[in-house]
Amino acid sequence: MPAKIRLQRQGRKFQAIYSIVVADSRAPRDGKFIESLGQYNPNSNPATIVLDFNKALEWLQKGAQPTDTCRAILSYKGVLYKKHLLDGVRKGAFDEAEAEKRFQAWMTEKEQKVQAKMDQIKSTKDSLDKTRMEEETKIKEARTAEIAKKRSDLIAAEEAASAPAVEEAAEEVAEEAPVAEEPKAATEGPEAKAEEQAPVAEEPKAEAGKEEAKKEDK
């Protein structure tokens, strides 16, 4: 039975990564393998592929059959295209220099496509992050406005509740305040001053009448 190039599962639950191995087709999936060719991590975007290009090409030329997933990985990395070009050289369709030139042109185009995809992913991520930040800012501003409104309503309610007490206190102070005396006239007439200064005149007639009465009694 020919050897197969396939994936061997590793990693944690829900975070699986895979080793790209060459194994006997009769061996179990996670059993013994002949040689490891690299690693495939589908959890990243784009997927991360580490592959020993020359070893993979050598095993393909020896007749190893890749599984569907491994065939896609080898095609993505250019191993299958390189094998196709070498088969053309062996058949005499073109020389090795032409094969290498075609392969380098393909690799350049492939790298440009990969870079364009990565740029698009980054741009989409930045756009989503910006939108999320704007939404979070709007929510924060709405919450701040709501809190400010609640505080102003609370202050207004406290002022409304304290207003009657202030009015009662003002009324009590007004009732307890003494009544101011009316000021005296600034200027008094000359007649009033004369009355205050004039001595009380004695009544001589009354005293004389009393003395005469006393004499008659005697």
N, C-alpha and C. Protein backbone atom coordinates (compact mmCIF):
# COMPACT_ATOMS: atom_id res chain seq x y z
N MET A 1 0.85 -1.20 0.00
CA MET A 1 0.00 0.00 0.00
C MET A 1 0.88 1.24 0.00
N PRO A 2 0.51 2.24 -0.79
CA PRO A 2 1.35 3.44 -0.85
C PRO A 2 1.21 4.27 0.43
N ALA A 3 2.21 5.13 0.61
CA ALA A 3 2.16 6.06 1.75
C ALA A 3 1.18 7.19 1.44
N LYS A 4 0.67 7.78 2.51
CA LYS A 4 -0.27 8.87 2.37
C LYS A 4 0.24 10.10 3.11
N ILE A 5 -0.04 11.24 2.53
CA ILE A 5 0.23 12.51 3.22
C ILE A 5 -1.09 12.97 3.81
N ARG A 6 -1.15 13.03 5.14
CA ARG A 6 -2.41 13.35 5.79
C ARG A 6 -2.17 14.17 7.06
N LEU A 7 -3.27 14.52 7.69
CA LEU A 7 -3.20 15.33 8.90
C LEU A 7 -3.31 14.44 10.13
N GLN A 8 -2.59 14.82 11.17
CA GLN A 8 -2.65 14.13 12.45
C GLN A 8 -3.07 15.15 13.51
N ARG A 9 -4.19 14.88 14.16
CA ARG A 9 -4.78 15.86 15.08
C ARG A 9 -3.95 16.02 16.35
N GLN A 10 -3.79 17.28 16.77
CA GLN A 10 -3.13 17.63 18.02
C GLN A 10 -3.86 18.82 18.63
N GLY A 11 -3.35 19.31 19.74
CA GLY A 11 -3.92 20.51 20.34
C GLY A 11 -5.05 20.20 21.30
N ARG A 12 -5.68 21.27 21.81
CA ARG A 12 -6.73 21.15 22.81
C ARG A 12 -8.11 20.99 22.17
N LYS A 13 -9.08 20.75 23.01
CA LYS A 13 -10.45 20.64 22.54
C LYS A 13 -10.94 22.01 22.05
N PHE A 14 -11.58 22.01 20.91
CA PHE A 14 -12.05 23.22 20.23
C PHE A 14 -10.91 24.14 19.77
N GLN A 15 -9.68 23.74 19.97
CA GLN A 15 -8.52 24.50 19.51
C GLN A 15 -7.53 23.55 18.84
N ALA A 16 -8.03 22.73 17.95
CA ALA A 16 -7.21 21.69 17.35
C ALA A 16 -6.24 22.27 16.33
N ILE A 17 -5.02 21.76 16.34
CA ILE A 17 -4.04 22.02 15.30
C ILE A 17 -3.61 20.65 14.75
N TYR A 18 -3.04 20.66 13.56
CA TYR A 18 -2.77 19.39 12.88
C TYR A 18 -1.32 19.36 12.39
N SER A 19 -0.73 18.19 12.53
CA SER A 19 0.58 17.94 11.94
C SER A 19 0.39 17.32 10.56
N ILE A 20 1.19 17.76 9.59
CA ILE A 20 1.16 17.18 8.25
C ILE A 20 2.22 16.08 8.22
N VAL A 21 1.78 14.85 8.08
CA VAL A 21 2.70 13.73 8.21
C VAL A 21 2.57 12.81 6.99
N VAL A 22 3.61 12.02 6.81
CA VAL A 22 3.58 10.91 5.84
C VAL A 22 3.44 9.64 6.66
N ALA A 23 2.40 8.88 6.37
CA ALA A 23 2.14 7.67 7.15
C ALA A 23 1.66 6.56 6.22
N ASP A 24 1.75 5.34 6.74
CA ASP A 24 1.21 4.20 6.01
C ASP A 24 -0.31 4.34 5.96
N SER A 25 -0.89 4.06 4.81
CA SER A 25 -2.33 4.22 4.65
C SER A 25 -3.13 3.30 5.57
N ARG A 26 -2.49 2.20 6.06
CA ARG A 26 -3.19 1.28 6.95
C ARG A 26 -3.09 1.70 8.41
N ALA A 27 -2.25 2.66 8.72
CA ALA A 27 -2.08 3.09 10.11
C ALA A 27 -3.27 3.97 10.52
N PRO A 28 -3.62 3.94 11.83
CA PRO A 28 -4.70 4.81 12.30
C PRO A 28 -4.32 6.28 12.15
N ARG A 29 -5.35 7.13 12.21
CA ARG A 29 -5.14 8.56 11.94
C ARG A 29 -4.09 9.18 12.87
N ASP A 30 -4.21 8.91 14.16
CA ASP A 30 -3.29 9.50 15.13
C ASP A 30 -2.23 8.50 15.59
N GLY A 31 -1.96 7.51 14.76
CA GLY A 31 -0.98 6.51 15.13
C GLY A 31 0.43 6.87 14.64
N LYS A 32 1.22 5.84 14.37
CA LYS A 32 2.59 6.05 13.95
C LYS A 32 2.64 6.67 12.55
N PHE A 33 3.69 7.46 12.31
CA PHE A 33 3.88 8.06 10.99
C PHE A 33 5.34 7.90 10.58
N ILE A 34 5.57 8.05 9.30
CA ILE A 34 6.92 7.86 8.77
C ILE A 34 7.75 9.13 8.93
N GLU A 35 7.19 10.27 8.57
CA GLU A 35 7.93 11.53 8.65
C GLU A 35 6.94 12.69 8.78
N SER A 36 7.34 13.71 9.52
CA SER A 36 6.52 14.92 9.68
C SER A 36 6.97 15.95 8.65
N LEU A 37 6.00 16.55 7.97
CA LEU A 37 6.30 17.53 6.93
C LEU A 37 6.00 18.98 7.36
N GLY A 38 5.23 19.15 8.42
CA GLY A 38 4.90 20.52 8.84
C GLY A 38 3.70 20.54 9.75
N GLN A 39 3.06 21.72 9.83
CA GLN A 39 1.93 21.90 10.74
C GLN A 39 0.89 22.81 10.09
N TYR A 40 -0.36 22.53 10.41
CA TYR A 40 -1.48 23.30 9.87
C TYR A 40 -2.36 23.78 11.04
N ASN A 41 -2.55 25.10 11.13
CA ASN A 41 -3.37 25.68 12.20
C ASN A 41 -4.55 26.43 11.57
N PRO A 42 -5.75 25.84 11.62
CA PRO A 42 -6.91 26.49 11.01
C PRO A 42 -7.56 27.54 11.90
N ASN A 43 -7.05 27.74 13.11
CA ASN A 43 -7.69 28.66 14.05
C ASN A 43 -7.38 30.13 13.74
N SER A 44 -6.31 30.39 13.01
CA SER A 44 -5.96 31.77 12.65
C SER A 44 -6.62 32.14 11.33
N ASN A 45 -6.63 33.44 11.03
CA ASN A 45 -7.24 33.93 9.79
C ASN A 45 -6.26 34.88 9.10
N PRO A 46 -5.69 34.51 7.94
CA PRO A 46 -5.83 33.21 7.27
C PRO A 46 -5.13 32.09 8.03
N ALA A 47 -5.41 30.86 7.65
CA ALA A 47 -4.83 29.71 8.34
C ALA A 47 -3.30 29.73 8.22
N THR A 48 -2.66 29.28 9.30
CA THR A 48 -1.19 29.24 9.34
C THR A 48 -0.71 27.87 8.87
N ILE A 49 0.17 27.88 7.88
CA ILE A 49 0.71 26.64 7.34
C ILE A 49 2.23 26.70 7.38
N VAL A 50 2.83 25.73 8.06
CA VAL A 50 4.29 25.58 8.08
C VAL A 50 4.60 24.26 7.38
N LEU A 51 5.35 24.34 6.28
CA LEU A 51 5.55 23.14 5.45
C LEU A 51 6.99 23.07 4.96
N ASP A 52 7.55 21.88 5.05
CA ASP A 52 8.87 21.63 4.46
C ASP A 52 8.64 21.35 2.97
N PHE A 53 8.89 22.38 2.14
CA PHE A 53 8.55 22.31 0.72
C PHE A 53 9.28 21.16 0.02
N ASN A 54 10.58 21.06 0.24
CA ASN A 54 11.38 20.07 -0.50
C ASN A 54 11.01 18.64 -0.11
N LYS A 55 10.78 18.40 1.19
CA LYS A 55 10.39 17.05 1.62
C LYS A 55 9.03 16.66 1.05
N ALA A 56 8.08 17.62 1.07
CA ALA A 56 6.75 17.33 0.53
C ALA A 56 6.84 17.02 -0.96
N LEU A 57 7.66 17.81 -1.70
CA LEU A 57 7.83 17.55 -3.13
C LEU A 57 8.47 16.19 -3.37
N GLU A 58 9.44 15.85 -2.54
CA GLU A 58 10.12 14.56 -2.69
C GLU A 58 9.16 13.39 -2.47
N TRP A 59 8.31 13.47 -1.48
CA TRP A 59 7.35 12.39 -1.21
C TRP A 59 6.30 12.30 -2.32
N LEU A 60 5.92 13.44 -2.88
CA LEU A 60 4.98 13.40 -4.02
C LEU A 60 5.61 12.70 -5.22
N GLN A 61 6.89 12.97 -5.45
CA GLN A 61 7.58 12.32 -6.58
C GLN A 61 7.78 10.83 -6.34
N LYS A 62 7.79 10.44 -5.06
CA LYS A 62 7.91 9.02 -4.74
C LYS A 62 6.57 8.29 -4.86
N GLY A 63 5.49 9.03 -5.02
CA GLY A 63 4.19 8.38 -5.20
C GLY A 63 3.28 8.48 -4.01
N ALA A 64 3.63 9.26 -2.97
CA ALA A 64 2.73 9.42 -1.81
C ALA A 64 1.46 10.14 -2.25
N GLN A 65 0.32 9.67 -1.74
CA GLN A 65 -0.97 10.24 -2.13
C GLN A 65 -1.52 11.12 -1.00
N PRO A 66 -1.74 12.40 -1.28
CA PRO A 66 -2.27 13.28 -0.23
C PRO A 66 -3.78 13.12 -0.09
N THR A 67 -4.30 13.33 1.11
CA THR A 67 -5.74 13.39 1.30
C THR A 67 -6.26 14.70 0.71
N ASP A 68 -7.58 14.85 0.70
CA ASP A 68 -8.18 16.03 0.07
C ASP A 68 -7.70 17.33 0.75
N THR A 69 -7.69 17.32 2.08
CA THR A 69 -7.25 18.52 2.81
C THR A 69 -5.78 18.80 2.55
N CYS A 70 -4.96 17.74 2.59
CA CYS A 70 -3.53 17.93 2.35
C CYS A 70 -3.27 18.34 0.90
N ARG A 71 -4.06 17.86 -0.04
CA ARG A 71 -3.89 18.27 -1.43
C ARG A 71 -4.15 19.78 -1.56
N ALA A 72 -5.18 20.28 -0.86
CA ALA A 72 -5.47 21.71 -0.89
C ALA A 72 -4.32 22.51 -0.28
N ILE A 73 -3.74 21.97 0.81
CA ILE A 73 -2.61 22.66 1.45
C ILE A 73 -1.40 22.68 0.53
N LEU A 74 -1.09 21.54 -0.09
CA LEU A 74 0.06 21.48 -1.00
C LEU A 74 -0.15 22.35 -2.23
N SER A 75 -1.37 22.44 -2.70
CA SER A 75 -1.65 23.33 -3.83
C SER A 75 -1.49 24.78 -3.43
N TYR A 76 -1.95 25.11 -2.23
CA TYR A 76 -1.85 26.48 -1.73
C TYR A 76 -0.38 26.92 -1.61
N LYS A 77 0.48 26.00 -1.18
CA LYS A 77 1.90 26.32 -0.99
C LYS A 77 2.71 26.16 -2.28
N GLY A 78 2.10 25.68 -3.35
CA GLY A 78 2.79 25.59 -4.63
C GLY A 78 3.54 24.30 -4.87
N VAL A 79 3.38 23.31 -3.99
CA VAL A 79 4.12 22.05 -4.16
C VAL A 79 3.60 21.30 -5.37
N LEU A 80 2.29 21.26 -5.53
CA LEU A 80 1.73 20.53 -6.67
C LEU A 80 2.11 21.19 -7.99
N TYR A 81 2.14 22.53 -8.01
CA TYR A 81 2.52 23.22 -9.25
C TYR A 81 3.99 22.97 -9.58
N LYS A 82 4.82 22.95 -8.55
CA LYS A 82 6.24 22.67 -8.78
C LYS A 82 6.43 21.25 -9.33
N LYS A 83 5.69 20.29 -8.81
CA LYS A 83 5.76 18.91 -9.32
C LYS A 83 5.31 18.86 -10.78
N HIS A 84 4.25 19.62 -11.10
CA HIS A 84 3.76 19.67 -12.48
C HIS A 84 4.82 20.22 -13.43
N LEU A 85 5.53 21.29 -12.98
CA LEU A 85 6.58 21.86 -13.83
C LEU A 85 7.74 20.89 -14.01
N LEU A 86 8.12 20.18 -12.94
CA LEU A 86 9.22 19.23 -13.05
C LEU A 86 8.84 18.05 -13.96
N ASP A 87 7.57 17.68 -13.92
CA ASP A 87 7.11 16.63 -14.86
C ASP A 87 7.23 17.12 -16.30
N GLY A 88 6.96 18.39 -16.54
CA GLY A 88 7.11 18.97 -17.88
C GLY A 88 8.56 19.00 -18.32
N VAL A 89 9.47 19.30 -17.36
CA VAL A 89 10.89 19.29 -17.70
C VAL A 89 11.32 17.86 -18.06
N ARG A 90 10.85 16.88 -17.30
CA ARG A 90 11.24 15.50 -17.56
C ARG A 90 10.71 15.01 -18.91
N LYS A 91 9.58 15.53 -19.29
CA LYS A 91 9.02 15.14 -20.60
C LYS A 91 9.59 15.96 -21.75
N GLY A 92 10.38 16.99 -21.44
CA GLY A 92 11.01 17.79 -22.47
C GLY A 92 10.17 18.94 -22.99
N ALA A 93 9.15 19.32 -22.27
CA ALA A 93 8.30 20.44 -22.73
C ALA A 93 9.05 21.76 -22.62
N PHE A 94 9.87 21.93 -21.59
CA PHE A 94 10.70 23.13 -21.39
C PHE A 94 11.83 22.75 -20.45
N ASP A 95 12.79 23.64 -20.33
CA ASP A 95 13.95 23.34 -19.49
C ASP A 95 13.70 23.78 -18.04
N GLU A 96 14.69 23.49 -17.19
CA GLU A 96 14.55 23.81 -15.77
C GLU A 96 14.51 25.31 -15.52
N ALA A 97 15.26 26.09 -16.32
CA ALA A 97 15.25 27.54 -16.15
C ALA A 97 13.85 28.11 -16.39
N GLU A 98 13.21 27.62 -17.44
CA GLU A 98 11.85 28.08 -17.73
C GLU A 98 10.88 27.64 -16.63
N ALA A 99 11.08 26.43 -16.12
CA ALA A 99 10.22 25.94 -15.05
C ALA A 99 10.38 26.81 -13.79
N GLU A 100 11.64 27.15 -13.48
CA GLU A 100 11.88 27.99 -12.29
C GLU A 100 11.29 29.38 -12.49
N LYS A 101 11.41 29.92 -13.70
CA LYS A 101 10.86 31.24 -14.00
C LYS A 101 9.35 31.24 -13.82
N ARG A 102 8.69 30.22 -14.35
CA ARG A 102 7.24 30.14 -14.21
C ARG A 102 6.83 29.98 -12.75
N PHE A 103 7.62 29.18 -12.03
CA PHE A 103 7.28 28.96 -10.61
C PHE A 103 7.43 30.26 -9.81
N GLN A 104 8.49 31.02 -10.07
CA GLN A 104 8.70 32.27 -9.34
C GLN A 104 7.60 33.28 -9.67
N ALA A 105 7.17 33.32 -10.93
CA ALA A 105 6.07 34.23 -11.30
C ALA A 105 4.78 33.82 -10.57
N TRP A 106 4.55 32.51 -10.48
CA TRP A 106 3.36 32.04 -9.77
C TRP A 106 3.43 32.38 -8.28
N MET A 107 4.62 32.21 -7.69
CA MET A 107 4.79 32.50 -6.26
C MET A 107 4.58 33.99 -5.98
N THR A 108 5.09 34.84 -6.88
CA THR A 108 4.91 36.29 -6.70
C THR A 108 3.43 36.67 -6.73
N GLU A 109 2.73 36.10 -7.70
CA GLU A 109 1.29 36.38 -7.81
C GLU A 109 0.54 35.85 -6.58
N LYS A 110 0.96 34.67 -6.13
CA LYS A 110 0.31 34.07 -4.95
C LYS A 110 0.54 34.93 -3.72
N GLU A 111 1.75 35.41 -3.53
CA GLU A 111 2.05 36.25 -2.37
C GLU A 111 1.25 37.56 -2.40
N GLN A 112 1.09 38.11 -3.61
CA GLN A 112 0.29 39.33 -3.74
C GLN A 112 -1.17 39.08 -3.35
N LYS A 113 -1.70 37.95 -3.78
CA LYS A 113 -3.07 37.61 -3.43
C LYS A 113 -3.22 37.41 -1.92
N VAL A 114 -2.24 36.72 -1.33
CA VAL A 114 -2.30 36.48 0.12
C VAL A 114 -2.21 37.80 0.89
N GLN A 115 -1.30 38.68 0.42
CA GLN A 115 -1.15 39.98 1.08
C GLN A 115 -2.42 40.82 0.93
N ALA A 116 -3.03 40.77 -0.26
CA ALA A 116 -4.29 41.52 -0.47
C ALA A 116 -5.38 41.00 0.45
N LYS A 117 -5.44 39.67 0.62
CA LYS A 117 -6.44 39.10 1.52
C LYS A 117 -6.18 39.53 2.96
N MET A 118 -4.93 39.53 3.38
CA MET A 118 -4.59 39.94 4.74
C MET A 118 -4.91 41.42 4.97
N ASP A 119 -4.63 42.24 3.96
CA ASP A 119 -4.97 43.67 4.08
C ASP A 119 -6.48 43.87 4.19
N GLN A 120 -7.23 43.10 3.40
CA GLN A 120 -8.69 43.20 3.45
C GLN A 120 -9.21 42.78 4.82
N ILE A 121 -8.65 41.71 5.36
CA ILE A 121 -9.06 41.25 6.69
C ILE A 121 -8.75 42.30 7.74
N LYS A 122 -7.55 42.90 7.64
CA LYS A 122 -7.17 43.93 8.61
C LYS A 122 -8.08 45.15 8.49
N SER A 123 -8.38 45.54 7.23
CA SER A 123 -9.26 46.69 7.02
C SER A 123 -10.66 46.43 7.59
N THR A 124 -11.16 45.23 7.34
CA THR A 124 -12.48 44.87 7.89
C THR A 124 -12.46 44.88 9.41
N LYS A 125 -11.39 44.34 9.99
CA LYS A 125 -11.28 44.32 11.45
C LYS A 125 -11.21 45.73 12.02
N ASP A 126 -10.42 46.60 11.36
CA ASP A 126 -10.32 47.99 11.83
C ASP A 126 -11.67 48.70 11.73
N SER A 127 -12.38 48.43 10.64
CA SER A 127 -13.70 49.04 10.47
C SER A 127 -14.67 48.58 11.56
N LEU A 128 -14.64 47.27 11.84
CA LEU A 128 -15.51 46.74 12.89
C LEU A 128 -15.14 47.31 14.25
N ASP A 129 -13.83 47.42 14.51
CA ASP A 129 -13.38 48.00 15.79
C ASP A 129 -13.83 49.45 15.91
N LYS A 130 -13.71 50.22 14.82
CA LYS A 130 -14.13 51.62 14.84
C LYS A 130 -15.63 51.74 15.10
N THR A 131 -16.42 50.90 14.40
CA THR A 131 -17.87 50.92 14.61
C THR A 131 -18.23 50.56 16.05
N ARG A 132 -17.53 49.55 16.57
CA ARG A 132 -17.79 49.13 17.96
C ARG A 132 -17.44 50.24 18.94
N MET A 133 -16.32 50.93 18.71
CA MET A 133 -15.93 52.03 19.58
C MET A 133 -16.94 53.17 19.52
N GLU A 134 -17.44 53.47 18.31
CA GLU A 134 -18.44 54.54 18.19
C GLU A 134 -19.72 54.17 18.94
N GLU A 135 -20.13 52.91 18.81
CA GLU A 135 -21.34 52.48 19.52
C GLU A 135 -21.13 52.55 21.03
N GLU A 136 -19.95 52.13 21.50
CA GLU A 136 -19.67 52.19 22.93
C GLU A 136 -19.63 53.64 23.42
N THR A 137 -19.09 54.56 22.58
CA THR A 137 -19.06 55.98 22.96
C THR A 137 -20.47 56.54 23.06
N LYS A 138 -21.34 56.18 22.11
CA LYS A 138 -22.73 56.66 22.16
C LYS A 138 -23.43 56.15 23.40
N ILE A 139 -23.22 54.87 23.72
CA ILE A 139 -23.85 54.30 24.92
C ILE A 139 -23.34 55.01 26.17
N LYS A 140 -22.04 55.28 26.22
CA LYS A 140 -21.46 55.96 27.37
C LYS A 140 -22.02 57.37 27.52
N GLU A 141 -22.12 58.09 26.40
CA GLU A 141 -22.68 59.45 26.45
C GLU A 141 -24.14 59.42 26.90
N ALA A 142 -24.91 58.45 26.41
CA ALA A 142 -26.32 58.35 26.82
C ALA A 142 -26.43 58.07 28.32
N ARG A 143 -25.57 57.19 28.82
CA ARG A 143 -25.60 56.89 30.25
C ARG A 143 -25.20 58.11 31.07
N THR A 144 -24.19 58.85 30.61
CA THR A 144 -23.76 60.06 31.32
C THR A 144 -24.88 61.09 31.36
N ALA A 145 -25.57 61.27 30.23
CA ALA A 145 -26.68 62.22 30.18
C ALA A 145 -27.81 61.78 31.11
N GLU A 146 -28.08 60.49 31.14
CA GLU A 146 -29.13 59.98 32.01
C GLU A 146 -28.78 60.19 33.48
N ILE A 147 -27.52 59.95 33.85
CA ILE A 147 -27.09 60.15 35.23
C ILE A 147 -27.18 61.62 35.61
N ALA A 148 -26.75 62.51 34.69
CA ALA A 148 -26.83 63.95 34.96
C ALA A 148 -28.28 64.40 35.15
N LYS A 149 -29.20 63.86 34.34
CA LYS A 149 -30.61 64.20 34.46
C LYS A 149 -31.17 63.74 35.80
N LYS A 150 -30.81 62.51 36.21
CA LYS A 150 -31.27 62.02 37.49
C LYS A 150 -30.76 62.87 38.64
N ARG A 151 -29.51 63.31 38.55
CA ARG A 151 -28.95 64.16 39.61
C ARG A 151 -29.66 65.50 39.67
N SER A 152 -29.90 66.10 38.50
CA SER A 152 -30.59 67.39 38.49
C SER A 152 -32.02 67.25 39.02
N ASP A 153 -32.72 66.15 38.67
CA ASP A 153 -34.06 65.93 39.21
C ASP A 153 -34.02 65.75 40.71
N LEU A 154 -33.01 65.03 41.21
CA LEU A 154 -32.89 64.82 42.65
C LEU A 154 -32.63 66.14 43.38
N ILE A 155 -31.75 66.98 42.82
CA ILE A 155 -31.45 68.28 43.44
C ILE A 155 -32.70 69.15 43.44
N ALA A 156 -33.45 69.14 42.33
CA ALA A 156 -34.67 69.94 42.26
C ALA A 156 -35.69 69.46 43.29
N ALA A 157 -35.80 68.14 43.46
CA ALA A 157 -36.74 67.61 44.45
C ALA A 157 -36.32 68.00 45.87
N GLU A 158 -35.02 67.95 46.16
CA GLU A 158 -34.55 68.36 47.49
C GLU A 158 -34.81 69.83 47.75
N GLU A 159 -34.58 70.67 46.74
CA GLU A 159 -34.86 72.10 46.90
C GLU A 159 -36.34 72.35 47.12
N ALA A 160 -37.20 71.63 46.38
CA ALA A 160 -38.63 71.81 46.54
C ALA A 160 -39.09 71.36 47.92
N ALA A 161 -38.47 70.28 48.46
CA ALA A 161 -38.84 69.80 49.79
C ALA A 161 -38.36 70.74 50.89
N SER A 162 -37.22 71.40 50.70
CA SER A 162 -36.67 72.29 51.73
C SER A 162 -37.25 73.69 51.68
N ALA A 163 -37.95 74.08 50.61
CA ALA A 163 -38.49 75.44 50.49
C ALA A 163 -39.51 75.76 51.58
N PRO A 164 -40.53 74.92 51.93
CA PRO A 164 -41.48 75.24 53.00
C PRO A 164 -40.80 75.43 54.35
N ALA A 165 -39.81 74.62 54.67
CA ALA A 165 -39.12 74.77 55.94
C ALA A 165 -38.42 76.11 56.03
N VAL A 166 -37.83 76.56 54.91
CA VAL A 166 -37.16 77.87 54.91
C VAL A 166 -38.17 78.98 55.12
N GLU A 167 -39.35 78.87 54.50
CA GLU A 167 -40.38 79.90 54.66
C GLU A 167 -40.89 79.95 56.10
N GLU A 168 -41.10 78.78 56.74
CA GLU A 168 -41.55 78.75 58.13
C GLU A 168 -40.51 79.38 59.05
N ALA A 169 -39.24 79.09 58.82
CA ALA A 169 -38.19 79.68 59.64
C ALA A 169 -38.16 81.19 59.49
N ALA A 170 -38.37 81.68 58.27
CA ALA A 170 -38.38 83.12 58.05
C ALA A 170 -39.56 83.78 58.77
N GLU A 171 -40.73 83.09 58.76
CA GLU A 171 -41.90 83.64 59.45
C GLU A 171 -41.66 83.70 60.96
N GLU A 172 -41.06 82.65 61.54
CA GLU A 172 -40.79 82.65 62.98
C GLU A 172 -39.83 83.76 63.36
N VAL A 173 -38.82 83.99 62.54
CA VAL A 173 -37.88 85.08 62.82
C VAL A 173 -38.57 86.43 62.76
N ALA A 174 -39.49 86.57 61.80
CA ALA A 174 -40.22 87.84 61.67
C ALA A 174 -41.12 88.08 62.87
N GLU A 175 -41.77 87.03 63.42
CA GLU A 175 -42.64 87.20 64.59
C GLU A 175 -41.85 87.54 65.84
N GLU A 176 -40.66 86.96 66.01
CA GLU A 176 -39.87 87.21 67.21
C GLU A 176 -39.13 88.54 67.18
N ALA A 177 -39.02 89.20 66.07
CA ALA A 177 -38.29 90.46 65.98
C ALA A 177 -39.03 91.55 66.74
N PRO A 178 -38.37 92.42 67.61
CA PRO A 178 -39.03 93.50 68.37
C PRO A 178 -39.50 94.61 67.44
N VAL A 179 -40.64 95.26 67.89
CA VAL A 179 -41.19 96.36 67.11
C VAL A 179 -40.35 97.60 67.33
N ALA A 180 -39.96 98.28 66.34
CA ALA A 180 -39.10 99.47 66.45
C ALA A 180 -39.90 100.64 66.99
N GLU A 181 -39.33 101.40 68.01
CA GLU A 181 -39.98 102.58 68.58
C GLU A 181 -39.98 103.71 67.59
N GLU A 182 -41.07 104.53 67.70
CA GLU A 182 -41.15 105.66 66.81
C GLU A 182 -40.16 106.72 67.25
N PRO A 183 -39.36 107.22 66.40
CA PRO A 183 -38.39 108.25 66.80
C PRO A 183 -39.09 109.55 67.20
N LYS A 184 -38.50 110.21 68.16
CA LYS A 184 -39.04 111.49 68.59
C LYS A 184 -38.84 112.53 67.51
N ALA A 185 -39.65 113.59 67.67
CA ALA A 185 -39.53 114.66 66.68
C ALA A 185 -38.15 115.25 66.71
N ALA A 186 -37.63 115.46 65.54
CA ALA A 186 -36.26 115.97 65.47
C ALA A 186 -36.14 117.36 66.09
N THR A 187 -37.14 118.17 65.87
CA THR A 187 -37.10 119.54 66.42
C THR A 187 -38.36 119.80 67.22
N GLU A 188 -38.21 120.31 68.39
CA GLU A 188 -39.35 120.64 69.24
C GLU A 188 -39.52 122.16 69.26
N GLY A 189 -40.76 122.60 69.42
CA GLY A 189 -41.05 124.04 69.40
C GLY A 189 -40.49 124.77 70.60
N PRO A 190 -40.31 126.07 70.53
CA PRO A 190 -39.78 126.87 71.65
C PRO A 190 -40.72 126.86 72.84
N GLU A 191 -42.00 126.67 72.63
CA GLU A 191 -42.95 126.67 73.73
C GLU A 191 -42.75 125.46 74.61
N ALA A 192 -42.49 124.27 73.97
CA ALA A 192 -42.26 123.06 74.75
C ALA A 192 -41.02 123.19 75.59
N LYS A 193 -39.94 123.79 75.01
CA LYS A 193 -38.72 123.97 75.79
C LYS A 193 -38.95 124.91 76.96
N ALA A 194 -39.75 125.94 76.76
CA ALA A 194 -40.02 126.90 77.83
C ALA A 194 -40.81 126.25 78.95
N GLU A 195 -41.78 125.39 78.62
CA GLU A 195 -42.55 124.70 79.64
C GLU A 195 -41.69 123.78 80.46
N GLU A 196 -40.70 123.09 79.78
CA GLU A 196 -39.82 122.21 80.52
C GLU A 196 -38.93 122.98 81.47
N GLN A 197 -38.45 124.19 81.04
CA GLN A 197 -37.51 124.94 81.86
C GLN A 197 -38.20 125.79 82.92
N ALA A 198 -39.45 126.21 82.75
CA ALA A 198 -40.12 127.11 83.71
C ALA A 198 -40.43 126.38 85.00
N PRO A 199 -40.08 126.97 86.20
CA PRO A 199 -40.40 126.35 87.50
C PRO A 199 -41.87 126.49 87.81
N VAL A 200 -42.34 125.56 88.60
CA VAL A 200 -43.75 125.58 88.97
C VAL A 200 -43.98 126.73 89.94
N ALA A 201 -44.88 127.62 89.64
CA ALA A 201 -45.14 128.80 90.50
C ALA A 201 -45.96 128.38 91.71
N GLU A 202 -45.55 128.87 92.90
CA GLU A 202 -46.28 128.58 94.12
C GLU A 202 -47.54 129.43 94.18
N GLU A 203 -48.53 129.00 94.90
CA GLU A 203 -49.78 129.71 95.01
C GLU A 203 -49.79 130.49 96.33
N PRO A 204 -49.36 131.76 96.33
CA PRO A 204 -49.29 132.56 97.58
C PRO A 204 -50.65 132.86 98.15
N LYS A 205 -51.67 132.99 97.28
CA LYS A 205 -52.99 133.35 97.76
C LYS A 205 -53.58 132.26 98.62
N ALA A 206 -53.41 131.08 98.22
CA ALA A 206 -53.97 129.98 98.99
C ALA A 206 -53.35 129.93 100.37
N GLU A 207 -52.01 130.12 100.45
CA GLU A 207 -51.33 130.06 101.74
C GLU A 207 -51.79 131.23 102.65
N ALA A 208 -52.00 132.41 102.04
CA ALA A 208 -52.45 133.58 102.84
C ALA A 208 -53.84 133.32 103.39
N GLY A 209 -54.72 132.74 102.63
CA GLY A 209 -56.06 132.42 103.10
C GLY A 209 -56.06 131.48 104.25
N LYS A 210 -55.15 130.50 104.24
CA LYS A 210 -55.04 129.53 105.31
C LYS A 210 -54.59 130.21 106.61
N GLU A 211 -53.67 131.17 106.55
CA GLU A 211 -53.18 131.87 107.76
C GLU A 211 -54.30 132.69 108.40
N GLU A 212 -55.11 133.37 107.58
CA GLU A 212 -56.22 134.14 108.12
C GLU A 212 -57.25 133.26 108.80
N ALA A 213 -57.50 132.11 108.23
CA ALA A 213 -58.43 131.17 108.87
C ALA A 213 -57.97 130.75 110.23
N LYS A 214 -56.67 130.49 110.34
CA LYS A 214 -56.10 130.07 111.61
C LYS A 214 -56.26 131.15 112.68
N LYS A 215 -56.03 132.43 112.29
CA LYS A 215 -56.16 133.55 113.23
C LYS A 215 -57.61 133.68 113.72
N GLU A 216 -58.59 133.58 112.90
CA GLU A 216 -59.97 133.69 113.31
C GLU A 216 -60.36 132.59 114.28
N ASP A 217 -59.84 131.39 114.10
CA ASP A 217 -60.15 130.30 115.02
C ASP A 217 -59.62 130.61 116.40
N LYS A 218 -58.49 131.21 116.46
CA LYS A 218 -57.92 131.58 117.75
C LYS A 218 -58.76 132.60 118.44
